[in-house]
């Protein structure tokens, strides 16, 4: 893979053989940002588990203290008072059968997060093949199937993100924008890694966090020492 001149210049700042402290890595990631837009900073964590086994799944959701820097469009499946509460909380799209029909018939997917009241899951379940592969299917584990849809909307708007293993046992998550600076990114990073640490399955054996890398959208990866990946102070 060929990289551009800006990437190659940024890459010179990173010692590829080094394992950095988390805050040093985040500071370096910010410094290596060279794009003309406000790049997203992502964390990639490889875990010592096997996602093929149900008892070794790692999944959950957490509200980042400084948000993600992204405007989130929220769709809510609800009726009656719950629908009114969702709209009042700021949900851009609220519906029931009509919203399901729009997604099924028109392929409407102009939203970033989907939330559902529990009594709507009979309807929403029909959308599994559409929403599931896109990571949009409401789930109790992620807190997006809940009787308190208004609170879920507020959390999504405030910067709630879902983390989950992919097939290669890696979690990929955004933790903010380069413009946040290393300190705010560090607060978000600490919150995410603490949540992943707490979600360690009882069936996990050996070293839990195998590797951890932070990178901007267009920048080089910066490797963090996995033994020090979780900030405890």
C-alpha atoms as a PDB file:
ATOM      1  CA  UNK A   1       0.000   0.000   0.000  1.00  0.00           C
ATOM      2  CA  UNK A   2       1.379   3.388  -1.050  1.00  0.00           C
ATOM      3  CA  UNK A   3       1.087   6.345   1.309  1.00  0.00           C
ATOM      4  CA  UNK A   4       1.084  10.051   0.512  1.00  0.00           C
ATOM      5  CA  UNK A   5       3.802  12.537   1.333  1.00  0.00           C
ATOM      6  CA  UNK A   6       1.976  13.921   4.410  1.00  0.00           C
ATOM      7  CA  UNK A   7       1.478  10.439   5.862  1.00  0.00           C
ATOM      8  CA  UNK A   8       5.134   9.551   5.355  1.00  0.00           C
ATOM      9  CA  UNK A   9       6.231  12.774   7.070  1.00  0.00           C
ATOM     10  CA  UNK A  10       3.898  12.080  10.001  1.00  0.00           C
ATOM     11  CA  UNK A  11       5.088   8.487  10.246  1.00  0.00           C
ATOM     12  CA  UNK A  12       8.647   9.708  10.882  1.00  0.00           C
ATOM     13  CA  UNK A  13       7.460  11.038  14.261  1.00  0.00           C
ATOM     14  CA  UNK A  14       6.447   7.542  15.398  1.00  0.00           C
ATOM     15  CA  UNK A  15       8.928   4.912  16.531  1.00  0.00           C
ATOM     16  CA  UNK A  16       7.328   1.767  15.104  1.00  0.00           C
ATOM     17  CA  UNK A  17       9.328  -0.440  17.465  1.00  0.00           C
ATOM     18  CA  UNK A  18       8.242   1.427  20.593  1.00  0.00           C
ATOM     19  CA  UNK A  19       5.368   0.744  22.971  1.00  0.00           C
ATOM     20  CA  UNK A  20       4.139   4.093  24.284  1.00  0.00           C
ATOM     21  CA  UNK A  21       2.369   5.145  27.455  1.00  0.00           C
ATOM     22  CA  UNK A  22      -1.318   5.924  26.663  1.00  0.00           C
ATOM     23  CA  UNK A  23      -1.075   9.719  27.066  1.00  0.00           C
ATOM     24  CA  UNK A  24       2.180   9.873  25.111  1.00  0.00           C
ATOM     25  CA  UNK A  25       0.554   7.869  22.320  1.00  0.00           C
ATOM     26  CA  UNK A  26      -2.470  10.178  22.195  1.00  0.00           C
ATOM     27  CA  UNK A  27      -0.259  13.260  22.177  1.00  0.00           C
ATOM     28  CA  UNK A  28       1.712  11.754  19.294  1.00  0.00           C
ATOM     29  CA  UNK A  29      -1.456  10.834  17.406  1.00  0.00           C
ATOM     30  CA  UNK A  30      -2.607  14.464  17.604  1.00  0.00           C
ATOM     31  CA  UNK A  31       0.796  15.683  16.401  1.00  0.00           C
ATOM     32  CA  UNK A  32       0.779  13.313  13.406  1.00  0.00           C
ATOM     33  CA  UNK A  33      -2.572  14.643  12.154  1.00  0.00           C
ATOM     34  CA  UNK A  34      -1.969  16.400   8.842  1.00  0.00           C
ATOM     35  CA  UNK A  35      -5.358  16.343   7.086  1.00  0.00           C
ATOM     36  CA  UNK A  36      -7.257  19.531   6.304  1.00  0.00           C
ATOM     37  CA  UNK A  37     -10.305  18.259   8.203  1.00  0.00           C
ATOM     38  CA  UNK A  38     -10.767  17.469  11.899  1.00  0.00           C
ATOM     39  CA  UNK A  39      -9.700  13.830  11.960  1.00  0.00           C
ATOM     40  CA  UNK A  40     -11.311  11.224  14.191  1.00  0.00           C
ATOM     41  CA  UNK A  41      -9.072   9.487  16.714  1.00  0.00           C
ATOM     42  CA  UNK A  42      -9.719   5.763  17.001  1.00  0.00           C
ATOM     43  CA  UNK A  43      -8.622   3.047  19.408  1.00  0.00           C
ATOM     44  CA  UNK A  44      -8.068  -0.532  18.255  1.00  0.00           C
ATOM     45  CA  UNK A  45      -7.772  -3.128  21.019  1.00  0.00           C
ATOM     46  CA  UNK A  46      -6.978  -6.805  20.359  1.00  0.00           C
ATOM     47  CA  UNK A  47      -8.139  -9.062  23.176  1.00  0.00           C
ATOM     48  CA  UNK A  48      -7.046 -12.507  24.308  1.00  0.00           C
ATOM     49  CA  UNK A  49     -10.488 -14.050  23.840  1.00  0.00           C
ATOM     50  CA  UNK A  50     -12.210 -16.085  21.128  1.00  0.00           C
ATOM     51  CA  UNK A  51     -15.286 -14.354  19.744  1.00  0.00           C
ATOM     52  CA  UNK A  52     -16.548 -17.675  18.340  1.00  0.00           C
ATOM     53  CA  UNK A  53     -17.531 -18.708  21.878  1.00  0.00           C
ATOM     54  CA  UNK A  54     -20.594 -17.164  23.505  1.00  0.00           C
ATOM     55  CA  UNK A  55     -18.930 -17.072  26.939  1.00  0.00           C
ATOM     56  CA  UNK A  56     -16.027 -15.003  25.589  1.00  0.00           C
ATOM     57  CA  UNK A  57     -17.989 -12.187  23.971  1.00  0.00           C
ATOM     58  CA  UNK A  58     -17.036  -8.647  24.939  1.00  0.00           C
ATOM     59  CA  UNK A  59     -19.722  -6.097  24.238  1.00  0.00           C
ATOM     60  CA  UNK A  60     -21.202  -3.073  25.903  1.00  0.00           C
ATOM     61  CA  UNK A  61     -21.682   0.655  25.706  1.00  0.00           C
ATOM     62  CA  UNK A  62     -20.217   3.642  27.473  1.00  0.00           C
ATOM     63  CA  UNK A  63     -20.814   7.402  27.489  1.00  0.00           C
ATOM     64  CA  UNK A  64     -17.579   9.231  26.701  1.00  0.00           C
ATOM     65  CA  UNK A  65     -17.157  12.218  29.072  1.00  0.00           C
ATOM     66  CA  UNK A  66     -16.223  14.547  26.209  1.00  0.00           C
ATOM     67  CA  UNK A  67     -18.447  13.034  23.529  1.00  0.00           C
ATOM     68  CA  UNK A  68     -17.246  11.914  20.109  1.00  0.00           C
ATOM     69  CA  UNK A  69     -17.301  15.268  18.324  1.00  0.00           C
ATOM     70  CA  UNK A  70     -19.799  13.845  15.852  1.00  0.00           C
ATOM     71  CA  UNK A  71     -23.386  14.962  15.438  1.00  0.00           C
ATOM     72  CA  UNK A  72     -25.474  11.842  15.965  1.00  0.00           C
ATOM     73  CA  UNK A  73     -28.789  11.283  14.190  1.00  0.00           C
ATOM     74  CA  UNK A  74     -31.055   9.117  16.324  1.00  0.00           C
ATOM     75  CA  UNK A  75     -34.010   6.996  15.194  1.00  0.00           C
ATOM     76  CA  UNK A  76     -36.448   5.703  17.808  1.00  0.00           C
ATOM     77  CA  UNK A  77     -39.049   2.958  17.439  1.00  0.00           C
ATOM     78  CA  UNK A  78     -41.796   3.898  19.867  1.00  0.00           C
ATOM     79  CA  UNK A  79     -45.473   4.802  20.197  1.00  0.00           C
ATOM     80  CA  UNK A  80     -47.575   7.094  22.360  1.00  0.00           C
ATOM     81  CA  UNK A  81     -45.953   8.770  25.357  1.00  0.00           C
ATOM     82  CA  UNK A  82     -42.607   7.054  24.660  1.00  0.00           C
ATOM     83  CA  UNK A  83     -42.577   8.480  21.140  1.00  0.00           C
ATOM     84  CA  UNK A  84     -43.368  11.965  22.477  1.00  0.00           C
ATOM     85  CA  UNK A  85     -40.583  11.666  25.074  1.00  0.00           C
ATOM     86  CA  UNK A  86     -38.078  10.549  22.419  1.00  0.00           C
ATOM     87  CA  UNK A  87     -38.925  13.500  20.208  1.00  0.00           C
ATOM     88  CA  UNK A  88     -38.663  15.900  23.151  1.00  0.00           C
ATOM     89  CA  UNK A  89     -35.228  14.463  23.985  1.00  0.00           C
ATOM     90  CA  UNK A  90     -33.992  15.324  20.500  1.00  0.00           C
ATOM     91  CA  UNK A  91     -34.522  12.217  18.376  1.00  0.00           C
ATOM     92  CA  UNK A  92     -34.574  13.191  14.686  1.00  0.00           C
ATOM     93  CA  UNK A  93     -36.715  10.231  13.603  1.00  0.00           C
ATOM     94  CA  UNK A  94     -39.526   8.657  15.623  1.00  0.00           C
ATOM     95  CA  UNK A  95     -41.953   6.045  14.372  1.00  0.00           C
ATOM     96  CA  UNK A  96     -43.370   2.553  14.634  1.00  0.00           C
ATOM     97  CA  UNK A  97     -44.901   0.533  11.784  1.00  0.00           C
ATOM     98  CA  UNK A  98     -44.397   3.501   9.464  1.00  0.00           C
ATOM     99  CA  UNK A  99     -40.660   3.647  10.216  1.00  0.00           C
ATOM    100  CA  UNK A 100     -40.260  -0.120   9.786  1.00  0.00           C
ATOM    101  CA  UNK A 101     -42.048   0.101   6.421  1.00  0.00           C
ATOM    102  CA  UNK A 102     -39.844   3.009   5.321  1.00  0.00           C
ATOM    103  CA  UNK A 103     -36.677   1.070   6.142  1.00  0.00           C
ATOM    104  CA  UNK A 104     -37.946  -2.116   4.491  1.00  0.00           C
ATOM    105  CA  UNK A 105     -39.517  -0.516   1.445  1.00  0.00           C
ATOM    106  CA  UNK A 106     -37.304   2.475   0.742  1.00  0.00           C
ATOM    107  CA  UNK A 107     -34.008   1.362   2.284  1.00  0.00           C
ATOM    108  CA  UNK A 108     -34.114   4.390   4.578  1.00  0.00           C
ATOM    109  CA  UNK A 109     -31.060   4.378   6.832  1.00  0.00           C
ATOM    110  CA  UNK A 110     -30.359   8.065   7.392  1.00  0.00           C
ATOM    111  CA  UNK A 111     -29.478   7.680  11.088  1.00  0.00           C
ATOM    112  CA  UNK A 112     -26.467   6.715  13.212  1.00  0.00           C
ATOM    113  CA  UNK A 113     -28.154   5.093  16.219  1.00  0.00           C
ATOM    114  CA  UNK A 114     -31.416   3.155  16.536  1.00  0.00           C
ATOM    115  CA  UNK A 115     -33.262   2.902  19.841  1.00  0.00           C
ATOM    116  CA  UNK A 116     -36.402   0.875  20.572  1.00  0.00           C
ATOM    117  CA  UNK A 117     -38.953   0.585  23.353  1.00  0.00           C
ATOM    118  CA  UNK A 118     -39.208  -3.083  24.487  1.00  0.00           C
ATOM    119  CA  UNK A 119     -42.774  -3.424  23.181  1.00  0.00           C
ATOM    120  CA  UNK A 120     -41.544  -2.531  19.690  1.00  0.00           C
ATOM    121  CA  UNK A 121     -39.029  -5.351  19.300  1.00  0.00           C
ATOM    122  CA  UNK A 122     -41.595  -7.643  17.676  1.00  0.00           C
ATOM    123  CA  UNK A 123     -41.703  -5.140  14.836  1.00  0.00           C
ATOM    124  CA  UNK A 124     -38.051  -4.172  14.859  1.00  0.00           C
ATOM    125  CA  UNK A 125     -36.981  -7.819  14.762  1.00  0.00           C
ATOM    126  CA  UNK A 126     -38.062  -7.908  11.112  1.00  0.00           C
ATOM    127  CA  UNK A 127     -35.235  -5.494  10.326  1.00  0.00           C
ATOM    128  CA  UNK A 128     -32.450  -7.698  11.655  1.00  0.00           C
ATOM    129  CA  UNK A 129     -30.965  -8.486   8.238  1.00  0.00           C
ATOM    130  CA  UNK A 130     -30.935  -4.784   7.330  1.00  0.00           C
ATOM    131  CA  UNK A 131     -29.845  -3.171  10.598  1.00  0.00           C
ATOM    132  CA  UNK A 132     -27.664  -5.973  11.993  1.00  0.00           C
ATOM    133  CA  UNK A 133     -24.829  -5.903   9.427  1.00  0.00           C
ATOM    134  CA  UNK A 134     -24.650  -2.102   9.777  1.00  0.00           C
ATOM    135  CA  UNK A 135     -24.365  -2.201  13.555  1.00  0.00           C
ATOM    136  CA  UNK A 136     -27.710  -0.409  13.927  1.00  0.00           C
ATOM    137  CA  UNK A 137     -29.860  -3.141  15.476  1.00  0.00           C
ATOM    138  CA  UNK A 138     -31.172  -2.091  18.908  1.00  0.00           C
ATOM    139  CA  UNK A 139     -29.847  -4.297  21.693  1.00  0.00           C
ATOM    140  CA  UNK A 140     -30.478  -4.538  25.451  1.00  0.00           C
ATOM    141  CA  UNK A 141     -26.716  -5.052  26.033  1.00  0.00           C
ATOM    142  CA  UNK A 142     -25.978  -1.763  24.323  1.00  0.00           C
ATOM    143  CA  UNK A 143     -28.776  -0.007  26.213  1.00  0.00           C
ATOM    144  CA  UNK A 144     -30.649   0.734  22.985  1.00  0.00           C
ATOM    145  CA  UNK A 145     -33.650  -1.422  23.896  1.00  0.00           C
ATOM    146  CA  UNK A 146     -35.069   0.323  26.949  1.00  0.00           C
ATOM    147  CA  UNK A 147     -38.356   1.602  28.420  1.00  0.00           C
ATOM    148  CA  UNK A 148     -36.621   4.948  29.041  1.00  0.00           C
ATOM    149  CA  UNK A 149     -36.103   5.925  25.406  1.00  0.00           C
ATOM    150  CA  UNK A 150     -35.663   9.606  26.300  1.00  0.00           C
ATOM    151  CA  UNK A 151     -32.617   8.837  28.466  1.00  0.00           C
ATOM    152  CA  UNK A 152     -31.184   6.621  25.713  1.00  0.00           C
ATOM    153  CA  UNK A 153     -31.577   9.454  23.198  1.00  0.00           C
ATOM    154  CA  UNK A 154     -29.844  11.909  25.537  1.00  0.00           C
ATOM    155  CA  UNK A 155     -26.952   9.482  26.083  1.00  0.00           C
ATOM    156  CA  UNK A 156     -26.555   8.875  22.353  1.00  0.00           C
ATOM    157  CA  UNK A 157     -26.438  12.619  21.770  1.00  0.00           C
ATOM    158  CA  UNK A 158     -23.932  13.057  24.611  1.00  0.00           C
ATOM    159  CA  UNK A 159     -21.442  10.643  23.060  1.00  0.00           C
ATOM    160  CA  UNK A 160     -22.471   7.113  23.979  1.00  0.00           C
ATOM    161  CA  UNK A 161     -20.590   4.541  21.921  1.00  0.00           C
ATOM    162  CA  UNK A 162     -20.932   0.797  21.625  1.00  0.00           C
ATOM    163  CA  UNK A 163     -17.897  -1.462  21.754  1.00  0.00           C
ATOM    164  CA  UNK A 164     -17.903  -5.054  20.547  1.00  0.00           C
ATOM    165  CA  UNK A 165     -15.494  -7.658  19.255  1.00  0.00           C
ATOM    166  CA  UNK A 166     -15.171  -8.239  15.539  1.00  0.00           C
ATOM    167  CA  UNK A 167     -14.381 -11.662  14.069  1.00  0.00           C
ATOM    168  CA  UNK A 168     -10.651 -11.103  14.600  1.00  0.00           C
ATOM    169  CA  UNK A 169     -11.126 -10.402  18.339  1.00  0.00           C
ATOM    170  CA  UNK A 170     -10.459  -6.672  17.935  1.00  0.00           C
ATOM    171  CA  UNK A 171     -12.550  -3.765  19.239  1.00  0.00           C
ATOM    172  CA  UNK A 172     -12.523  -0.620  17.103  1.00  0.00           C
ATOM    173  CA  UNK A 173     -13.897   2.599  18.644  1.00  0.00           C
ATOM    174  CA  UNK A 174     -13.755   6.354  18.022  1.00  0.00           C
ATOM    175  CA  UNK A 175     -12.807   8.414  21.074  1.00  0.00           C
ATOM    176  CA  UNK A 176     -13.109  11.939  19.680  1.00  0.00           C
ATOM    177  CA  UNK A 177     -11.544  14.407  17.279  1.00  0.00           C
ATOM    178  CA  UNK A 178      -7.986  15.709  16.927  1.00  0.00           C
ATOM    179  CA  UNK A 179      -9.292  19.153  17.931  1.00  0.00           C
ATOM    180  CA  UNK A 180     -10.125  17.766  21.406  1.00  0.00           C
ATOM    181  CA  UNK A 181      -6.422  17.695  22.270  1.00  0.00           C
ATOM    182  CA  UNK A 182      -4.606  14.919  24.133  1.00  0.00           C
ATOM    183  CA  UNK A 183      -6.123  15.691  27.562  1.00  0.00           C
ATOM    184  CA  UNK A 184      -9.778  15.301  26.556  1.00  0.00           C
ATOM    185  CA  UNK A 185      -8.950  12.356  24.319  1.00  0.00           C
ATOM    186  CA  UNK A 186      -7.191  10.824  27.322  1.00  0.00           C
ATOM    187  CA  UNK A 187     -10.335  11.148  29.454  1.00  0.00           C
ATOM    188  CA  UNK A 188     -12.382   9.427  26.755  1.00  0.00           C
ATOM    189  CA  UNK A 189      -9.717   6.757  26.265  1.00  0.00           C
ATOM    190  CA  UNK A 190      -9.576   6.028  30.005  1.00  0.00           C
ATOM    191  CA  UNK A 191     -13.371   5.637  30.164  1.00  0.00           C
ATOM    192  CA  UNK A 192     -13.445   3.244  27.201  1.00  0.00           C
ATOM    193  CA  UNK A 193     -10.514   1.065  28.303  1.00  0.00           C
ATOM    194  CA  UNK A 194     -11.864   0.854  31.852  1.00  0.00           C
ATOM    195  CA  UNK A 195     -15.195  -0.388  30.480  1.00  0.00           C
ATOM    196  CA  UNK A 196     -13.457  -2.989  28.292  1.00  0.00           C
ATOM    197  CA  UNK A 197     -11.391  -4.143  31.281  1.00  0.00           C
ATOM    198  CA  UNK A 198     -14.524  -4.512  33.445  1.00  0.00           C
ATOM    199  CA  UNK A 199     -16.209  -6.497  30.661  1.00  0.00           C
ATOM    200  CA  UNK A 200     -13.505  -9.193  30.756  1.00  0.00           C
ATOM    201  CA  UNK A 201     -15.248 -12.579  30.453  1.00  0.00           C
ATOM    202  CA  UNK A 202     -14.669 -15.109  33.227  1.00  0.00           C
ATOM    203  CA  UNK A 203     -13.698 -17.619  30.508  1.00  0.00           C
ATOM    204  CA  UNK A 204     -10.832 -15.422  29.251  1.00  0.00           C
ATOM    205  CA  UNK A 205      -7.444 -16.967  29.973  1.00  0.00           C
ATOM    206  CA  UNK A 206      -3.969 -15.473  29.903  1.00  0.00           C
ATOM    207  CA  UNK A 207      -3.216 -11.896  28.843  1.00  0.00           C
ATOM    208  CA  UNK A 208      -6.501 -10.050  28.241  1.00  0.00           C
ATOM    209  CA  UNK A 209      -5.330  -6.952  26.353  1.00  0.00           C
ATOM    210  CA  UNK A 210      -2.921  -8.271  23.711  1.00  0.00           C
ATOM    211  CA  UNK A 211      -2.351  -5.037  21.800  1.00  0.00           C
ATOM    212  CA  UNK A 212      -3.652  -1.477  21.681  1.00  0.00           C
ATOM    213  CA  UNK A 213      -3.174   1.080  18.904  1.00  0.00           C
ATOM    214  CA  UNK A 214      -4.409   4.661  18.529  1.00  0.00           C
ATOM    215  CA  UNK A 215      -4.562   6.408  15.174  1.00  0.00           C
ATOM    216  CA  UNK A 216      -6.188   9.345  13.435  1.00  0.00           C
ATOM    217  CA  UNK A 217      -8.293   8.897  10.304  1.00  0.00           C
ATOM    218  CA  UNK A 218      -5.383   9.562   7.948  1.00  0.00           C
ATOM    219  CA  UNK A 219      -2.424   9.119  10.286  1.00  0.00           C
ATOM    220  CA  UNK A 220      -0.093   6.291  11.288  1.00  0.00           C
ATOM    221  CA  UNK A 221      -0.879   3.919  14.127  1.00  0.00           C
ATOM    222  CA  UNK A 222       0.794   4.514  17.491  1.00  0.00           C
ATOM    223  CA  UNK A 223       1.244   1.377  19.594  1.00  0.00           C
ATOM    224  CA  UNK A 224       0.491   1.476  23.310  1.00  0.00           C
ATOM    225  CA  UNK A 225       2.140  -0.821  25.833  1.00  0.00           C
ATOM    226  CA  UNK A 226      -0.666  -3.403  26.433  1.00  0.00           C
ATOM    227  CA  UNK A 227       0.489  -3.910  30.034  1.00  0.00           C
ATOM    228  CA  UNK A 228      -0.197  -0.220  30.705  1.00  0.00           C
ATOM    229  CA  UNK A 229      -3.158   0.276  28.348  1.00  0.00           C
ATOM    230  CA  UNK A 230      -5.677   0.758  31.178  1.00  0.00           C
ATOM    231  CA  UNK A 231      -5.114   4.071  32.965  1.00  0.00           C
ATOM    232  CA  UNK A 232      -5.657   3.398  36.661  1.00  0.00           C
ATOM    233  CA  UNK A 233      -4.827   6.743  38.311  1.00  0.00           C
END
